[in-house]
C-alpha atoms as a PDB file:
ATOM      1  CA  MET A   1       0.026   0.286   0.062  1.00  0.00           C
ATOM      2  CA  VAL A   2       1.287   3.166  -0.724  1.00  0.00           C
ATOM      3  CA  GLN A   3      -0.380   6.478   1.540  1.00  0.00           C
ATOM      4  CA  LEU A   4      -0.293   9.622  -0.907  1.00  0.00           C
ATOM      5  CA  SER A   5      -2.234  11.648   2.061  1.00  0.00           C
ATOM      6  CA  GLU A   6      -4.188  11.169   5.091  1.00  0.00           C
ATOM      7  CA  SER A   7      -7.086   9.988   2.967  1.00  0.00           C
ATOM      8  CA  GLU A   8      -5.292   8.983  -0.507  1.00  0.00           C
ATOM      9  CA  GLU A   9      -4.053   5.489  -1.236  1.00  0.00           C
ATOM     10  CA  ILE A  10      -3.091   2.842  -3.631  1.00  0.00           C
ATOM     11  CA  LYS A  11      -3.323  -0.860  -3.013  1.00  0.00           C
ATOM     12  CA  LEU A  12      -1.926  -3.528  -5.033  1.00  0.00           C
ATOM     13  CA  GLY A  13      -3.234  -6.911  -4.277  1.00  0.00           C
ATOM     14  CA  TYR A  14      -4.115 -10.427  -5.627  1.00  0.00           C
ATOM     15  CA  ASN A  15      -7.293 -11.008  -7.257  1.00  0.00           C
ATOM     16  CA  TYR A  16      -7.607 -14.602  -5.715  1.00  0.00           C
ATOM     17  CA  VAL A  17      -7.243 -14.685  -1.765  1.00  0.00           C
ATOM     18  CA  ASP A  18      -8.409 -17.358   0.388  1.00  0.00           C
ATOM     19  CA  ASP A  19      -9.956 -19.755  -1.947  1.00  0.00           C
ATOM     20  CA  ASP A  20     -12.087 -16.612  -3.239  1.00  0.00           C
ATOM     21  CA  TRP A  21     -12.143 -13.754  -5.844  1.00  0.00           C
ATOM     22  CA  ARG A  22     -12.077 -10.522  -5.064  1.00  0.00           C
ATOM     23  CA  GLU A  23     -13.572  -8.976  -8.358  1.00  0.00           C
ATOM     24  CA  GLU A  24     -15.366 -12.290  -9.553  1.00  0.00           C
ATOM     25  CA  ASP A  25     -16.056 -10.624 -12.798  1.00  0.00           C
ATOM     26  CA  TYR A  26     -12.637 -10.115 -13.653  1.00  0.00           C
ATOM     27  CA  LYS A  27     -10.897 -13.743 -13.260  1.00  0.00           C
ATOM     28  CA  ASP A  28      -8.451 -12.837 -15.979  1.00  0.00           C
ATOM     29  CA  CYS A  29      -7.385 -10.059 -13.828  1.00  0.00           C
ATOM     30  CA  PRO A  30      -4.330 -11.634 -11.497  1.00  0.00           C
ATOM     31  CA  LEU A  31      -3.819  -8.241  -9.851  1.00  0.00           C
ATOM     32  CA  ILE A  32      -6.029  -5.767  -8.825  1.00  0.00           C
ATOM     33  CA  LEU A  33      -4.641  -2.035  -8.077  1.00  0.00           C
ATOM     34  CA  GLU A  34      -7.118  -0.077  -6.180  1.00  0.00           C
ATOM     35  CA  LEU A  35      -6.747   3.648  -6.241  1.00  0.00           C
ATOM     36  CA  ASN A  36      -8.706   5.186  -3.190  1.00  0.00           C
ATOM     37  CA  ASN A  37     -10.190   8.658  -2.273  1.00  0.00           C
ATOM     38  CA  LEU A  38      -7.937  10.274  -4.857  1.00  0.00           C
ATOM     39  CA  GLN A  39      -8.227  14.024  -5.399  1.00  0.00           C
ATOM     40  CA  GLN A  40      -7.702  13.767  -8.945  1.00  0.00           C
ATOM     41  CA  PRO A  41      -8.899  10.132 -10.024  1.00  0.00           C
ATOM     42  CA  GLU A  42      -9.742  10.334 -13.519  1.00  0.00           C
ATOM     43  CA  GLU A  43      -6.013  12.125 -14.273  1.00  0.00           C
ATOM     44  CA  ILE A  44      -4.154   9.149 -12.351  1.00  0.00           C
ATOM     45  CA  VAL A  45      -6.076   6.515 -14.480  1.00  0.00           C
ATOM     46  CA  ASP A  46      -5.612   8.155 -17.576  1.00  0.00           C
ATOM     47  CA  SER A  47      -1.562   8.491 -16.968  1.00  0.00           C
ATOM     48  CA  LEU A  48      -1.718   4.512 -15.532  1.00  0.00           C
ATOM     49  CA  TYR A  49      -3.478   3.576 -18.629  1.00  0.00           C
ATOM     50  CA  ASN A  50      -1.528   5.766 -21.232  1.00  0.00           C
ATOM     51  CA  ASN A  51       1.766   4.741 -19.723  1.00  0.00           C
ATOM     52  CA  LEU A  52       1.516   1.191 -18.575  1.00  0.00           C
ATOM     53  CA  PRO A  53      -0.215  -1.151 -21.722  1.00  0.00           C
ATOM     54  CA  TYR A  54      -0.879  -3.913 -19.578  1.00  0.00           C
ATOM     55  CA  VAL A  55      -3.237  -1.572 -17.175  1.00  0.00           C
ATOM     56  CA  ILE A  56      -7.102  -2.246 -17.787  1.00  0.00           C
ATOM     57  CA  PRO A  57      -9.225  -0.077 -15.953  1.00  0.00           C
ATOM     58  CA  LEU A  58     -12.219  -1.265 -14.556  1.00  0.00           C
ATOM     59  CA  TYR A  59     -14.460   0.774 -12.833  1.00  0.00           C
ATOM     60  CA  MET A  60     -14.458   3.806 -10.558  1.00  0.00           C
ATOM     61  CA  ARG A  61     -16.935   4.370  -7.433  1.00  0.00           C
ATOM     62  CA  VAL A  62     -17.508   8.159  -6.535  1.00  0.00           C
ATOM     63  CA  ILE A  63     -18.872   8.162  -3.270  1.00  0.00           C
ATOM     64  CA  THR A  64     -20.126  11.574  -1.439  1.00  0.00           C
ATOM     65  CA  PRO A  65     -20.526  10.333   2.258  1.00  0.00           C
ATOM     66  CA  GLY A  66     -24.207  10.766   3.015  1.00  0.00           C
ATOM     67  CA  VAL A  67     -25.261  12.144  -0.174  1.00  0.00           C
ATOM     68  CA  SER A  68     -24.497   9.460  -3.257  1.00  0.00           C
ATOM     69  CA  LEU A  69     -23.008   6.510  -4.805  1.00  0.00           C
ATOM     70  CA  LYS A  70     -22.067   6.599  -8.498  1.00  0.00           C
ATOM     71  CA  LYS A  71     -20.374   3.756 -10.155  1.00  0.00           C
ATOM     72  CA  TYR A  72     -18.481   3.781 -13.604  1.00  0.00           C
ATOM     73  CA  ILE A  73     -16.983   1.073 -15.990  1.00  0.00           C
ATOM     74  CA  PHE A  74     -14.312   1.898 -18.566  1.00  0.00           C
ATOM     75  CA  GLU A  75     -15.331   1.490 -22.296  1.00  0.00           C
ATOM     76  CA  ASN A  76     -12.961   2.275 -25.133  1.00  0.00           C
ATOM     77  CA  GLY A  77     -11.005   4.548 -22.863  1.00  0.00           C
ATOM     78  CA  HIS A  78     -13.832   6.659 -21.526  1.00  0.00           C
ATOM     79  CA  THR A  79     -16.012   6.542 -18.017  1.00  0.00           C
ATOM     80  CA  LYS A  80     -19.426   5.391 -18.487  1.00  0.00           C
ATOM     81  CA  LEU A  81     -21.990   5.779 -15.632  1.00  0.00           C
ATOM     82  CA  VAL A  82     -23.836   2.590 -14.937  1.00  0.00           C
ATOM     83  CA  TYR A  83     -25.317   3.165 -11.202  1.00  0.00           C
ATOM     84  CA  GLU A  84     -26.197   6.099  -9.187  1.00  0.00           C
ATOM     85  CA  TYR A  85     -27.935   5.863  -5.563  1.00  0.00           C
ATOM     86  CA  PHE A  86     -28.913   9.178  -4.011  1.00  0.00           C
ATOM     87  CA  LYS A  87     -29.664   8.894  -0.188  1.00  0.00           C
ATOM     88  CA  LYS A  88     -33.086   9.969   0.564  1.00  0.00           C
ATOM     89  CA  LYS A  89     -33.367  12.637   2.941  1.00  0.00           C
END
């Protein structure tokens, strides 16, 4: 794990751990790189994707605590919103 700031972190780990898949839909990916709470997530993902040809962005979740959750997938180098939830007041 790399701690970039108090909240920003990068983790690299195996996808298959303790006889179970962390990301069931991505069994062809032996390693999973997690980018958590980044200030500039799209710029970092773009940089990784453009400079490391073996990196495949899978999805991105944007969480606004107490307000909303959005999930994006990556298609053809672009993000596509696939899930959105807003907390009821």
